[in-house]
PDB file of N, CA and C in Angstrom:
ATOM      1  N   MET A   1      11.882   5.943  11.931  1.00  0.00           N
ATOM      2  CA  MET A   1      11.324   4.671  12.068  1.00  0.00           C
ATOM      3  C   MET A   1      11.332   4.059  10.646  1.00  0.00           C
ATOM      4  N   LYS A   2      11.898   2.900  10.537  1.00  0.00           N
ATOM      5  CA  LYS A   2      11.745   2.253   9.063  1.00  0.00           C
ATOM      6  C   LYS A   2      10.875   1.007   9.264  1.00  0.00           C
ATOM      7  N   ARG A   3      10.002   0.941   8.258  1.00  0.00           N
ATOM      8  CA  ARG A   3       9.142  -0.477   8.109  1.00  0.00           C
ATOM      9  C   ARG A   3       9.249  -0.759   6.774  1.00  0.00           C
ATOM     10  N   GLU A   4       9.484  -2.296   6.894  1.00  0.00           N
ATOM     11  CA  GLU A   4       9.493  -3.091   5.582  1.00  0.00           C
ATOM     12  C   GLU A   4       8.377  -4.004   5.587  1.00  0.00           C
ATOM     13  N   GLU A   5       7.706  -4.382   4.477  1.00  0.00           N
ATOM     14  CA  GLU A   5       6.783  -5.268   4.498  1.00  0.00           C
ATOM     15  C   GLU A   5       6.875  -6.333   3.414  1.00  0.00           C
ATOM     16  N   TYR A   6       6.752  -7.588   3.583  1.00  0.00           N
ATOM     17  CA  TYR A   6       6.814  -8.589   2.586  1.00  0.00           C
ATOM     18  C   TYR A   6       5.774  -9.543   2.876  1.00  0.00           C
ATOM     19  N   LEU A   7       5.562 -10.409   1.711  1.00  0.00           N
ATOM     20  CA  LEU A   7       4.836 -11.392   1.624  1.00  0.00           C
ATOM     21  C   LEU A   7       5.618 -12.782   1.698  1.00  0.00           C
ATOM     22  N   ILE A   8       5.278 -13.708   2.633  1.00  0.00           N
ATOM     23  CA  ILE A   8       5.948 -15.019   2.530  1.00  0.00           C
ATOM     24  C   ILE A   8       4.958 -16.183   2.209  1.00  0.00           C
ATOM     25  N   ILE A   9       5.201 -16.837   1.202  1.00  0.00           N
ATOM     26  CA  ILE A   9       4.291 -17.890   0.799  1.00  0.00           C
ATOM     27  C   ILE A   9       5.003 -19.292   1.101  1.00  0.00           C
ATOM     28  N   THR A  10       4.048 -20.183   1.790  1.00  0.00           N
ATOM     29  CA  THR A  10       4.614 -21.419   2.131  1.00  0.00           C
ATOM     30  C   THR A  10       4.011 -22.733   1.277  1.00  0.00           C
ATOM     31  N   PHE A  11       4.651 -23.699   1.221  1.00  0.00           N
ATOM     32  CA  PHE A  11       4.206 -24.786   0.348  1.00  0.00           C
ATOM     33  C   PHE A  11       4.381 -25.978   1.079  1.00  0.00           C
ATOM     34  N   ASP A  12       3.560 -26.988   0.537  1.00  0.00           N
ATOM     35  CA  ASP A  12       3.623 -28.427   1.009  1.00  0.00           C
ATOM     36  C   ASP A  12       4.666 -29.104   0.606  1.00  0.00           C
ATOM     37  N   SER A  13       5.347 -28.755  -0.378  1.00  0.00           N
ATOM     38  CA  SER A  13       6.434 -29.595  -0.908  1.00  0.00           C
ATOM     39  C   SER A  13       7.541 -28.667  -1.786  1.00  0.00           C
ATOM     40  N   THR A  14       8.788 -29.013  -1.784  1.00  0.00           N
ATOM     41  CA  THR A  14       9.726 -28.381  -2.634  1.00  0.00           C
ATOM     42  C   THR A  14       9.414 -28.246  -3.966  1.00  0.00           C
ATOM     43  N   GLN A  15       8.735 -29.278  -4.454  1.00  0.00           N
ATOM     44  CA  GLN A  15       8.296 -29.207  -5.860  1.00  0.00           C
ATOM     45  C   GLN A  15       7.276 -28.140  -6.172  1.00  0.00           C
ATOM     46  N   HIS A  16       6.491 -27.833  -5.328  1.00  0.00           N
ATOM     47  CA  HIS A  16       5.255 -26.807  -5.351  1.00  0.00           C
ATOM     48  C   HIS A  16       5.998 -25.459  -5.380  1.00  0.00           C
ATOM     49  N   ALA A  17       6.991 -25.311  -4.255  1.00  0.00           N
ATOM     50  CA  ALA A  17       7.777 -24.103  -4.436  1.00  0.00           C
ATOM     51  C   ALA A  17       8.383 -23.752  -5.640  1.00  0.00           C
ATOM     52  N   MET A  18       9.126 -24.690  -6.203  1.00  0.00           N
ATOM     53  CA  MET A  18       9.953 -24.620  -7.427  1.00  0.00           C
ATOM     54  C   MET A  18       8.947 -24.280  -8.622  1.00  0.00           C
ATOM     55  N   ALA A  19       7.753 -24.861  -8.612  1.00  0.00           N
ATOM     56  CA  ALA A  19       7.019 -24.643  -9.648  1.00  0.00           C
ATOM     57  C   ALA A  19       6.397 -23.278  -9.579  1.00  0.00           C
ATOM     58  N   ALA A  20       5.945 -22.878  -8.335  1.00  0.00           N
ATOM     59  CA  ALA A  20       5.399 -21.629  -8.167  1.00  0.00           C
ATOM     60  C   ALA A  20       6.410 -20.400  -8.638  1.00  0.00           C
ATOM     61  N   GLU A  21       7.906 -20.569  -8.201  1.00  0.00           N
ATOM     62  CA  GLU A  21       8.609 -19.688  -8.585  1.00  0.00           C
ATOM     63  C   GLU A  21       8.860 -19.633 -10.156  1.00  0.00           C
ATOM     64  N   SER A  22       8.601 -20.630 -10.823  1.00  0.00           N
ATOM     65  CA  SER A  22       8.733 -20.601 -12.366  1.00  0.00           C
ATOM     66  C   SER A  22       7.660 -19.829 -12.733  1.00  0.00           C
ATOM     67  N   VAL A  23       6.300 -20.112 -12.313  1.00  0.00           N
ATOM     68  CA  VAL A  23       5.195 -19.470 -12.826  1.00  0.00           C
ATOM     69  C   VAL A  23       5.073 -17.926 -12.457  1.00  0.00           C
ATOM     70  N   LEU A  24       5.597 -17.652 -11.333  1.00  0.00           N
ATOM     71  CA  LEU A  24       5.714 -16.311 -10.890  1.00  0.00           C
ATOM     72  C   LEU A  24       6.640 -15.434 -11.778  1.00  0.00           C
ATOM     73  N   GLY A  25       7.809 -16.076 -11.999  1.00  0.00           N
ATOM     74  CA  GLY A  25       8.626 -15.533 -12.983  1.00  0.00           C
ATOM     75  C   GLY A  25       8.393 -15.232 -14.375  1.00  0.00           C
ATOM     76  N   ALA A  26       7.523 -16.244 -14.780  1.00  0.00           N
ATOM     77  CA  ALA A  26       7.053 -16.192 -16.112  1.00  0.00           C
ATOM     78  C   ALA A  26       6.063 -14.850 -16.398  1.00  0.00           C
ATOM     79  N   GLU A  27       5.377 -14.618 -15.057  1.00  0.00           N
ATOM     80  CA  GLU A  27       4.450 -13.585 -15.088  1.00  0.00           C
ATOM     81  C   GLU A  27       5.053 -12.221 -14.833  1.00  0.00           C
ATOM     82  N   LYS A  28       6.306 -12.227 -14.649  1.00  0.00           N
ATOM     83  CA  LYS A  28       7.058 -11.017 -14.218  1.00  0.00           C
ATOM     84  C   LYS A  28       6.776 -10.518 -12.642  1.00  0.00           C
ATOM     85  N   ILE A  29       6.509 -11.600 -11.963  1.00  0.00           N
ATOM     86  CA  ILE A  29       6.349 -11.063 -10.574  1.00  0.00           C
ATOM     87  C   ILE A  29       7.494 -11.398  -9.779  1.00  0.00           C
ATOM     88  N   TYR A  30       7.828 -10.458  -8.869  1.00  0.00           N
ATOM     89  CA  TYR A  30       9.093 -10.802  -8.177  1.00  0.00           C
ATOM     90  C   TYR A  30       8.735 -11.783  -7.241  1.00  0.00           C
ATOM     91  N   ALA A  31       9.702 -12.716  -7.202  1.00  0.00           N
ATOM     92  CA  ALA A  31       9.619 -13.819  -6.286  1.00  0.00           C
ATOM     93  C   ALA A  31      11.082 -14.442  -5.946  1.00  0.00           C
ATOM     94  N   LYS A  32      11.485 -14.406  -4.635  1.00  0.00           N
ATOM     95  CA  LYS A  32      12.624 -15.008  -4.378  1.00  0.00           C
ATOM     96  C   LYS A  32      12.439 -16.046  -3.333  1.00  0.00           C
ATOM     97  N   THR A  33      13.254 -17.159  -3.538  1.00  0.00           N
ATOM     98  CA  THR A  33      13.217 -18.276  -2.774  1.00  0.00           C
ATOM     99  C   THR A  33      14.038 -18.294  -1.578  1.00  0.00           C
ATOM    100  N   ILE A  34      13.427 -18.512  -0.457  1.00  0.00           N
ATOM    101  CA  ILE A  34      14.136 -18.318   0.705  1.00  0.00           C
ATOM    102  C   ILE A  34      13.827 -19.657   1.556  1.00  0.00           C
ATOM    103  N   PRO A  35      14.707 -19.945   2.727  1.00  0.00           N
ATOM    104  CA  PRO A  35      14.381 -20.928   3.548  1.00  0.00           C
ATOM    105  C   PRO A  35      13.127 -20.538   4.319  1.00  0.00           C
ATOM    106  N   THR A  36      12.230 -21.518   4.552  1.00  0.00           N
ATOM    107  CA  THR A  36      10.991 -21.353   5.293  1.00  0.00           C
ATOM    108  C   THR A  36      11.486 -20.766   6.684  1.00  0.00           C
ATOM    109  N   PRO A  37      10.831 -19.547   7.233  1.00  0.00           N
ATOM    110  CA  PRO A  37      11.252 -19.225   8.721  1.00  0.00           C
ATOM    111  C   PRO A  37      10.610 -20.263   9.521  1.00  0.00           C
ATOM    112  N   ARG A  38      11.415 -20.482  10.602  1.00  0.00           N
ATOM    113  CA  ARG A  38      11.109 -21.591  11.493  1.00  0.00           C
ATOM    114  C   ARG A  38       9.856 -21.227  12.320  1.00  0.00           C
ATOM    115  N   ASP A  39       9.669 -19.906  12.604  1.00  0.00           N
ATOM    116  CA  ASP A  39       8.413 -19.426  13.332  1.00  0.00           C
ATOM    117  C   ASP A  39       7.253 -19.768  12.382  1.00  0.00           C
ATOM    118  N   ILE A  40       7.374 -20.035  11.096  1.00  0.00           N
ATOM    119  CA  ILE A  40       6.096 -20.122  10.339  1.00  0.00           C
ATOM    120  C   ILE A  40       5.720 -21.510  10.378  1.00  0.00           C
ATOM    121  N   THR A  41       6.472 -22.603   9.667  1.00  0.00           N
ATOM    122  CA  THR A  41       6.171 -23.951   9.560  1.00  0.00           C
ATOM    123  C   THR A  41       7.367 -24.770   9.273  1.00  0.00           C
ATOM    124  N   LEU A  42       7.316 -25.995   9.534  1.00  0.00           N
ATOM    125  CA  LEU A  42       8.419 -26.870   9.283  1.00  0.00           C
ATOM    126  C   LEU A  42       8.202 -27.888   8.156  1.00  0.00           C
ATOM    127  N   SER A  43       6.904 -27.484   7.535  1.00  0.00           N
ATOM    128  CA  SER A  43       6.487 -28.728   6.553  1.00  0.00           C
ATOM    129  C   SER A  43       7.294 -28.705   5.184  1.00  0.00           C
ATOM    130  N   CYS A  44       7.806 -27.674   4.762  1.00  0.00           N
ATOM    131  CA  CYS A  44       8.706 -27.463   3.544  1.00  0.00           C
ATOM    132  C   CYS A  44       9.703 -26.665   3.913  1.00  0.00           C
ATOM    133  N   GLY A  45      10.889 -26.860   3.398  1.00  0.00           N
ATOM    134  CA  GLY A  45      12.022 -25.982   3.691  1.00  0.00           C
ATOM    135  C   GLY A  45      12.296 -24.849   2.805  1.00  0.00           C
ATOM    136  N   LEU A  46      11.312 -24.756   1.842  1.00  0.00           N
ATOM    137  CA  LEU A  46      11.536 -23.461   0.880  1.00  0.00           C
ATOM    138  C   LEU A  46      10.121 -22.725   0.833  1.00  0.00           C
ATOM    139  N   SER A  47      10.338 -21.301   1.031  1.00  0.00           N
ATOM    140  CA  SER A  47       9.328 -20.529   0.654  1.00  0.00           C
ATOM    141  C   SER A  47       9.643 -19.493  -0.355  1.00  0.00           C
ATOM    142  N   ILE A  48       8.646 -18.577  -0.626  1.00  0.00           N
ATOM    143  CA  ILE A  48       8.771 -17.543  -1.578  1.00  0.00           C
ATOM    144  C   ILE A  48       8.558 -16.160  -0.844  1.00  0.00           C
ATOM    145  N   MET A  49       9.451 -15.305  -0.993  1.00  0.00           N
ATOM    146  CA  MET A  49       9.240 -14.004  -0.431  1.00  0.00           C
ATOM    147  C   MET A  49       8.984 -13.054  -1.761  1.00  0.00           C
ATOM    148  N   THR A  50       7.901 -12.131  -1.524  1.00  0.00           N
ATOM    149  CA  THR A  50       7.554 -11.277  -2.654  1.00  0.00           C
ATOM    150  C   THR A  50       7.214  -9.934  -1.947  1.00  0.00           C
ATOM    151  N   THR A  51       6.694  -9.045  -2.830  1.00  0.00           N
ATOM    152  CA  THR A  51       6.217  -7.669  -2.379  1.00  0.00           C
ATOM    153  C   THR A  51       4.698  -7.771  -2.119  1.00  0.00           C
ATOM    154  N   PRO A  52       4.269  -6.904  -1.186  1.00  0.00           N
ATOM    155  CA  PRO A  52       2.791  -6.943  -0.911  1.00  0.00           C
ATOM    156  C   PRO A  52       1.815  -6.713  -2.102  1.00  0.00           C
ATOM    157  N   ASP A  53       2.367  -5.808  -2.822  1.00  0.00           N
ATOM    158  CA  ASP A  53       1.481  -5.486  -4.112  1.00  0.00           C
ATOM    159  C   ASP A  53       1.280  -6.712  -4.992  1.00  0.00           C
ATOM    160  N   ASN A  54       1.906  -7.792  -4.812  1.00  0.00           N
ATOM    161  CA  ASN A  54       1.543  -9.023  -5.623  1.00  0.00           C
ATOM    162  C   ASN A  54       0.409  -9.957  -5.039  1.00  0.00           C
ATOM    163  N   GLU A  55       0.024  -9.421  -3.725  1.00  0.00           N
ATOM    164  CA  GLU A  55      -1.075 -10.482  -3.060  1.00  0.00           C
ATOM    165  C   GLU A  55      -2.125 -10.904  -3.796  1.00  0.00           C
ATOM    166  N   ASP A  56      -2.891 -10.052  -4.435  1.00  0.00           N
ATOM    167  CA  ASP A  56      -4.225 -10.313  -5.164  1.00  0.00           C
ATOM    168  C   ASP A  56      -3.895 -11.154  -6.432  1.00  0.00           C
ATOM    169  N   LYS A  57      -2.798 -10.660  -6.989  1.00  0.00           N
ATOM    170  CA  LYS A  57      -2.277 -11.708  -8.203  1.00  0.00           C
ATOM    171  C   LYS A  57      -1.950 -13.095  -7.964  1.00  0.00           C
ATOM    172  N   ILE A  58      -1.336 -13.199  -6.787  1.00  0.00           N
ATOM    173  CA  ILE A  58      -1.051 -14.718  -6.408  1.00  0.00           C
ATOM    174  C   ILE A  58      -2.081 -15.366  -5.865  1.00  0.00           C
ATOM    175  N   LYS A  59      -3.044 -14.665  -5.238  1.00  0.00           N
ATOM    176  CA  LYS A  59      -4.333 -15.347  -4.773  1.00  0.00           C
ATOM    177  C   LYS A  59      -5.048 -15.885  -5.998  1.00  0.00           C
ATOM    178  N   ALA A  60      -5.114 -14.897  -7.035  1.00  0.00           N
ATOM    179  CA  ALA A  60      -6.016 -15.220  -8.236  1.00  0.00           C
ATOM    180  C   ALA A  60      -5.279 -16.624  -8.918  1.00  0.00           C
ATOM    181  N   MET A  61      -3.995 -16.512  -8.896  1.00  0.00           N
ATOM    182  CA  MET A  61      -3.295 -17.612  -9.563  1.00  0.00           C
ATOM    183  C   MET A  61      -3.403 -18.947  -8.815  1.00  0.00           C
ATOM    184  N   LYS A  62      -3.693 -18.905  -7.615  1.00  0.00           N
ATOM    185  CA  LYS A  62      -4.112 -19.971  -6.769  1.00  0.00           C
ATOM    186  C   LYS A  62      -5.439 -20.674  -7.066  1.00  0.00           C
ATOM    187  N   VAL A  63      -6.528 -19.691  -7.143  1.00  0.00           N
ATOM    188  CA  VAL A  63      -7.741 -20.086  -7.604  1.00  0.00           C
ATOM    189  C   VAL A  63      -7.905 -20.725  -8.849  1.00  0.00           C
ATOM    190  N   MET A  64      -6.994 -20.126  -9.901  1.00  0.00           N
ATOM    191  CA  MET A  64      -6.978 -20.610 -11.125  1.00  0.00           C
ATOM    192  C   MET A  64      -6.070 -22.092 -11.332  1.00  0.00           C
ATOM    193  N   GLY A  65      -5.601 -22.331 -10.124  1.00  0.00           N
ATOM    194  CA  GLY A  65      -4.667 -23.720 -10.084  1.00  0.00           C
ATOM    195  C   GLY A  65      -3.466 -23.560 -10.713  1.00  0.00           C
ATOM    196  N   ASN A  66      -3.035 -22.303 -10.985  1.00  0.00           N
ATOM    197  CA  ASN A  66      -1.561 -21.996 -11.507  1.00  0.00           C
ATOM    198  C   ASN A  66      -0.555 -22.195 -10.557  1.00  0.00           C
ATOM    199  N   VAL A  67      -0.833 -21.738  -9.213  1.00  0.00           N
ATOM    200  CA  VAL A  67       0.167 -21.941  -8.135  1.00  0.00           C
ATOM    201  C   VAL A  67      -0.637 -22.576  -6.895  1.00  0.00           C
ATOM    202  N   LYS A  68       0.328 -23.543  -6.426  1.00  0.00           N
ATOM    203  CA  LYS A  68      -0.329 -24.311  -5.218  1.00  0.00           C
ATOM    204  C   LYS A  68       0.513 -24.010  -4.075  1.00  0.00           C
ATOM    205  N   TYR A  69      -0.046 -23.165  -3.103  1.00  0.00           N
ATOM    206  CA  TYR A  69       0.674 -22.810  -1.978  1.00  0.00           C
ATOM    207  C   TYR A  69      -0.223 -23.159  -0.608  1.00  0.00           C
ATOM    208  N   LYS A  70       0.544 -23.405   0.451  1.00  0.00           N
ATOM    209  CA  LYS A  70      -0.210 -23.790   1.588  1.00  0.00           C
ATOM    210  C   LYS A  70      -0.742 -22.550   2.378  1.00  0.00           C
ATOM    211  N   ALA A  71       0.098 -21.543   2.576  1.00  0.00           N
ATOM    212  CA  ALA A  71      -0.350 -20.312   3.280  1.00  0.00           C
ATOM    213  C   ALA A  71       0.315 -19.168   2.645  1.00  0.00           C
ATOM    214  N   MET A  72      -0.176 -17.925   3.065  1.00  0.00           N
ATOM    215  CA  MET A  72       0.454 -16.670   2.677  1.00  0.00           C
ATOM    216  C   MET A  72       0.594 -15.924   4.002  1.00  0.00           C
ATOM    217  N   TYR A  73       1.692 -15.232   4.363  1.00  0.00           N
ATOM    218  CA  TYR A  73       2.015 -14.418   5.641  1.00  0.00           C
ATOM    219  C   TYR A  73       2.398 -13.115   5.143  1.00  0.00           C
ATOM    220  N   ARG A  74       2.120 -12.143   6.002  1.00  0.00           N
ATOM    221  CA  ARG A  74       2.626 -10.812   5.930  1.00  0.00           C
ATOM    222  C   ARG A  74       3.698 -10.715   6.995  1.00  0.00           C
ATOM    223  N   LEU A  75       4.874 -10.335   6.487  1.00  0.00           N
ATOM    224  CA  LEU A  75       5.998 -10.102   7.362  1.00  0.00           C
ATOM    225  C   LEU A  75       6.382  -8.673   7.417  1.00  0.00           C
ATOM    226  N   ILE A  76       6.282  -8.124   8.689  1.00  0.00           N
ATOM    227  CA  ILE A  76       6.505  -6.813   8.935  1.00  0.00           C
ATOM    228  C   ILE A  76       7.738  -6.604   9.741  1.00  0.00           C
ATOM    229  N   VAL A  77       8.889  -5.953   9.276  1.00  0.00           N
ATOM    230  CA  VAL A  77       9.978  -5.586  10.016  1.00  0.00           C
ATOM    231  C   VAL A  77       9.843  -3.931  10.312  1.00  0.00           C
ATOM    232  N   GLU A  78       9.862  -3.723  11.624  1.00  0.00           N
ATOM    233  CA  GLU A  78       9.811  -2.231  12.032  1.00  0.00           C
ATOM    234  C   GLU A  78      10.650  -2.085  13.183  1.00  0.00           C
ATOM    235  N   ASP A  79      11.701  -1.272  13.019  1.00  0.00           N
ATOM    236  CA  ASP A  79      12.523  -0.927  14.035  1.00  0.00           C
ATOM    237  C   ASP A  79      13.302  -2.274  14.764  1.00  0.00           C
ATOM    238  N   GLY A  80      13.537  -3.049  13.733  1.00  0.00           N
ATOM    239  CA  GLY A  80      14.292  -4.293  14.161  1.00  0.00           C
ATOM    240  C   GLY A  80      13.215  -5.365  14.722  1.00  0.00           C
ATOM    241  N   ASN A  81      12.033  -4.954  15.063  1.00  0.00           N
ATOM    242  CA  ASN A  81      11.049  -6.123  15.509  1.00  0.00           C
ATOM    243  C   ASN A  81      10.276  -6.725  14.234  1.00  0.00           C
ATOM    244  N   ARG A  82      10.053  -7.982  14.411  1.00  0.00           N
ATOM    245  CA  ARG A  82       9.493  -8.703  13.404  1.00  0.00           C
ATOM    246  C   ARG A  82       7.871  -9.197  13.666  1.00  0.00           C
ATOM    247  N   THR A  83       7.144  -9.118  12.867  1.00  0.00           N
ATOM    248  CA  THR A  83       5.823  -9.536  13.043  1.00  0.00           C
ATOM    249  C   THR A  83       5.229 -10.234  11.869  1.00  0.00           C
ATOM    250  N   LEU A  84       4.620 -11.569  12.239  1.00  0.00           N
ATOM    251  CA  LEU A  84       4.016 -12.341  11.158  1.00  0.00           C
ATOM    252  C   LEU A  84       2.673 -12.498  11.197  1.00  0.00           C
ATOM    253  N   GLU A  85       1.809 -12.175  10.209  1.00  0.00           N
ATOM    254  CA  GLU A  85       0.425 -12.369  10.258  1.00  0.00           C
ATOM    255  C   GLU A  85      -0.065 -13.236   9.163  1.00  0.00           C
ATOM    256  N   ILE A  86      -0.779 -14.316   9.492  1.00  0.00           N
ATOM    257  CA  ILE A  86      -1.338 -15.246   8.287  1.00  0.00           C
ATOM    258  C   ILE A  86      -2.233 -14.289   7.673  1.00  0.00           C
ATOM    259  N   ILE A  87      -2.172 -14.588   6.283  1.00  0.00           N
ATOM    260  CA  ILE A  87      -3.128 -14.004   5.321  1.00  0.00           C
ATOM    261  C   ILE A  87      -4.138 -15.078   4.940  1.00  0.00           C
ATOM    262  N   VAL A  88      -3.627 -16.257   4.494  1.00  0.00           N
ATOM    263  CA  VAL A  88      -4.461 -17.219   3.991  1.00  0.00           C
ATOM    264  C   VAL A  88      -3.859 -18.627   4.648  1.00  0.00           C
TER     265      VAL A  88
END
């Protein structure tokens, strides 16, 4: 049984996604820009995928105003099945 877990961060605009990618990169936080999964939202075409261990860091960056995101989701892929859970 193989289980993988990721965080997907969505944004209100492409500009916010690109700015977040830059800020996260400067903080040495793994961030991969991906097309927003259709089952999450259609508001912005770009999202950021990262690892679950970055959740608290990214939440803190939002509170400080360094990163502006719409929502954060946990993506779990287990045995080919995909589950999305909203975090924020």
